Amino acid sequence: MGTVIATDREGAEHRLEAREGHTLMEILRDGGLPIEAICGGQCICSTCHVYVDAEWAGRLTPRATDEQVMVEDSGHYEENSRLACQVPYVDELDGIRLTLAPEF
């Protein structure tokens, strides 16, 4: 079991239990953070938009085209933007830091 360190929209840091087989979106949601994920992880909304800390961003697989379109259309795009539903948690990501993007 690992840890995801997430900063919420008010700046508070949360240490969440993480297990392989879950996406970052599931970990955030199950950890009680206010992430809507209204599409349920289908990459058709951007309500699970997060910013991955620079130290970790390069360790993730690149965004697929559909994810790229969604984060660019979110109104809060940054180079380290990701949809949490598109990032599977693996043990190599233990300690990953991310921040919830602003809501729409």
C-alpha atoms as a PDB file:
ATOM      1  CA  MET A   1       0.000   0.000   0.000  1.00  0.00           C
ATOM      2  CA  GLY A   2       1.214   3.487  -0.803  1.00  0.00           C
ATOM      3  CA  THR A   3       0.368   7.114  -0.273  1.00  0.00           C
ATOM      4  CA  VAL A   4      -0.952   9.926  -2.454  1.00  0.00           C
ATOM      5  CA  ILE A   5      -0.376  13.406  -1.038  1.00  0.00           C
ATOM      6  CA  ALA A   6      -3.120  15.703  -2.283  1.00  0.00           C
ATOM      7  CA  THR A   7      -3.624  19.411  -1.691  1.00  0.00           C
ATOM      8  CA  ASP A   8      -7.259  20.481  -1.743  1.00  0.00           C
ATOM      9  CA  ARG A   9      -8.618  23.751  -3.139  1.00  0.00           C
ATOM     10  CA  GLU A  10      -8.196  25.491   0.234  1.00  0.00           C
ATOM     11  CA  GLY A  11      -4.519  24.536   0.456  1.00  0.00           C
ATOM     12  CA  ALA A  12      -4.859  21.746   3.037  1.00  0.00           C
ATOM     13  CA  GLU A  13      -2.698  18.678   2.508  1.00  0.00           C
ATOM     14  CA  HIS A  14      -4.161  15.171   2.745  1.00  0.00           C
ATOM     15  CA  ARG A  15      -2.301  11.858   2.913  1.00  0.00           C
ATOM     16  CA  LEU A  16      -4.435   9.200   1.258  1.00  0.00           C
ATOM     17  CA  GLU A  17      -3.983   5.429   1.190  1.00  0.00           C
ATOM     18  CA  ALA A  18      -3.347   4.182  -2.324  1.00  0.00           C
ATOM     19  CA  ARG A  19      -3.479   0.716  -3.838  1.00  0.00           C
ATOM     20  CA  GLU A  20      -2.540  -0.609  -7.231  1.00  0.00           C
ATOM     21  CA  GLY A  21      -5.570  -1.256  -9.377  1.00  0.00           C
ATOM     22  CA  HIS A  22      -7.153   2.106  -8.554  1.00  0.00           C
ATOM     23  CA  THR A  23      -6.877   5.376 -10.433  1.00  0.00           C
ATOM     24  CA  LEU A  24      -5.858   8.611  -8.774  1.00  0.00           C
ATOM     25  CA  MET A  25      -9.496   9.713  -9.173  1.00  0.00           C
ATOM     26  CA  GLU A  26     -10.750   6.744  -7.168  1.00  0.00           C
ATOM     27  CA  ILE A  27      -8.150   7.362  -4.470  1.00  0.00           C
ATOM     28  CA  LEU A  28      -9.108  11.041  -4.188  1.00  0.00           C
ATOM     29  CA  ARG A  29     -12.830  10.306  -4.171  1.00  0.00           C
ATOM     30  CA  ASP A  30     -12.546   7.437  -1.672  1.00  0.00           C
ATOM     31  CA  GLY A  31     -10.326   9.653   0.498  1.00  0.00           C
ATOM     32  CA  GLY A  32     -13.190  12.119   0.847  1.00  0.00           C
ATOM     33  CA  LEU A  33     -11.783  14.943  -1.265  1.00  0.00           C
ATOM     34  CA  PRO A  34     -14.278  17.103  -3.173  1.00  0.00           C
ATOM     35  CA  ILE A  35     -13.656  15.691  -6.627  1.00  0.00           C
ATOM     36  CA  GLU A  36     -16.815  15.280  -8.684  1.00  0.00           C
ATOM     37  CA  ALA A  37     -15.721  12.749 -11.314  1.00  0.00           C
ATOM     38  CA  ILE A  38     -19.202  12.975 -12.796  1.00  0.00           C
ATOM     39  CA  CYS A  39     -18.371  10.756 -15.791  1.00  0.00           C
ATOM     40  CA  GLY A  40     -17.161   7.980 -13.505  1.00  0.00           C
ATOM     41  CA  GLY A  41     -13.710   7.824 -15.033  1.00  0.00           C
ATOM     42  CA  GLN A  42     -14.629   7.698 -18.715  1.00  0.00           C
ATOM     43  CA  CYS A  43     -12.487  10.706 -19.758  1.00  0.00           C
ATOM     44  CA  ILE A  44     -15.510  12.666 -20.986  1.00  0.00           C
ATOM     45  CA  CYS A  45     -15.513  15.454 -18.411  1.00  0.00           C
ATOM     46  CA  SER A  46     -12.774  17.252 -16.553  1.00  0.00           C
ATOM     47  CA  THR A  47     -14.206  17.227 -13.041  1.00  0.00           C
ATOM     48  CA  CYS A  48     -11.264  15.147 -11.764  1.00  0.00           C
ATOM     49  CA  HIS A  49      -8.683  17.621 -13.101  1.00  0.00           C
ATOM     50  CA  VAL A  50      -5.520  17.786 -10.984  1.00  0.00           C
ATOM     51  CA  TYR A  51      -2.074  19.339 -11.200  1.00  0.00           C
ATOM     52  CA  VAL A  52       0.723  16.832 -10.679  1.00  0.00           C
ATOM     53  CA  ASP A  53       3.816  18.225  -8.944  1.00  0.00           C
ATOM     54  CA  ALA A  54       6.697  18.737 -11.360  1.00  0.00           C
ATOM     55  CA  GLU A  55       8.818  16.133  -9.576  1.00  0.00           C
ATOM     56  CA  TRP A  56       6.226  13.494 -10.506  1.00  0.00           C
ATOM     57  CA  ALA A  57       4.780  14.724 -13.810  1.00  0.00           C
ATOM     58  CA  GLY A  58       7.614  13.268 -15.890  1.00  0.00           C
ATOM     59  CA  ARG A  59       7.155   9.831 -14.332  1.00  0.00           C
ATOM     60  CA  LEU A  60       3.635   9.444 -15.684  1.00  0.00           C
ATOM     61  CA  THR A  61       2.715   8.130 -19.095  1.00  0.00           C
ATOM     62  CA  PRO A  62       1.952  10.986 -21.496  1.00  0.00           C
ATOM     63  CA  ARG A  63      -1.622  12.206 -21.856  1.00  0.00           C
ATOM     64  CA  ALA A  64      -3.640  10.515 -24.575  1.00  0.00           C
ATOM     65  CA  THR A  65      -5.272  12.778 -27.155  1.00  0.00           C
ATOM     66  CA  ASP A  66      -8.727  12.649 -25.529  1.00  0.00           C
ATOM     67  CA  GLU A  67      -7.286  13.541 -22.122  1.00  0.00           C
ATOM     68  CA  GLN A  68      -5.282  16.389 -23.671  1.00  0.00           C
ATOM     69  CA  VAL A  69      -8.430  17.842 -25.235  1.00  0.00           C
ATOM     70  CA  MET A  70     -10.352  17.620 -21.954  1.00  0.00           C
ATOM     71  CA  VAL A  71      -7.692  19.347 -19.822  1.00  0.00           C
ATOM     72  CA  GLU A  72      -7.137  22.055 -22.428  1.00  0.00           C
ATOM     73  CA  ASP A  73     -10.894  22.744 -22.531  1.00  0.00           C
ATOM     74  CA  SER A  74     -11.172  22.841 -18.718  1.00  0.00           C
ATOM     75  CA  GLY A  75     -10.407  26.558 -18.490  1.00  0.00           C
ATOM     76  CA  HIS A  76      -7.623  25.831 -15.971  1.00  0.00           C
ATOM     77  CA  TYR A  77      -5.047  24.071 -18.133  1.00  0.00           C
ATOM     78  CA  GLU A  78      -1.418  23.985 -17.045  1.00  0.00           C
ATOM     79  CA  GLU A  79       1.428  21.920 -18.444  1.00  0.00           C
ATOM     80  CA  ASN A  80       1.176  19.524 -15.478  1.00  0.00           C
ATOM     81  CA  SER A  81      -2.608  19.074 -15.833  1.00  0.00           C
ATOM     82  CA  ARG A  82      -3.967  15.535 -15.726  1.00  0.00           C
ATOM     83  CA  LEU A  83      -7.339  13.891 -15.407  1.00  0.00           C
ATOM     84  CA  ALA A  84      -7.031  11.785 -12.270  1.00  0.00           C
ATOM     85  CA  CYS A  85      -9.245   9.114 -13.844  1.00  0.00           C
ATOM     86  CA  GLN A  86      -6.602   8.524 -16.508  1.00  0.00           C
ATOM     87  CA  VAL A  87      -3.695   7.906 -14.142  1.00  0.00           C
ATOM     88  CA  PRO A  88      -3.563   4.407 -12.696  1.00  0.00           C
ATOM     89  CA  TYR A  89      -1.830   4.169  -9.352  1.00  0.00           C
ATOM     90  CA  VAL A  90       1.194   1.854  -9.291  1.00  0.00           C
ATOM     91  CA  ASP A  91       3.611   1.307  -6.425  1.00  0.00           C
ATOM     92  CA  GLU A  92       6.253   3.425  -8.196  1.00  0.00           C
ATOM     93  CA  LEU A  93       3.992   6.428  -7.562  1.00  0.00           C
ATOM     94  CA  ASP A  94       4.139   6.057  -3.774  1.00  0.00           C
ATOM     95  CA  GLY A  95       4.322   9.586  -2.373  1.00  0.00           C
ATOM     96  CA  ILE A  96       3.058  11.325  -5.525  1.00  0.00           C
ATOM     97  CA  ARG A  97       1.953  14.896  -4.858  1.00  0.00           C
ATOM     98  CA  LEU A  98      -0.885  16.609  -6.643  1.00  0.00           C
ATOM     99  CA  THR A  99      -3.265  19.527  -6.249  1.00  0.00           C
ATOM    100  CA  LEU A 100      -6.953  19.660  -7.116  1.00  0.00           C
ATOM    101  CA  ALA A 101      -7.617  22.065  -9.971  1.00  0.00           C
ATOM    102  CA  PRO A 102     -10.224  24.820  -9.467  1.00  0.00           C
ATOM    103  CA  GLU A 103     -13.843  23.870 -10.066  1.00  0.00           C
ATOM    104  CA  PHE A 104     -15.639  25.161 -13.111  1.00  0.00           C
END
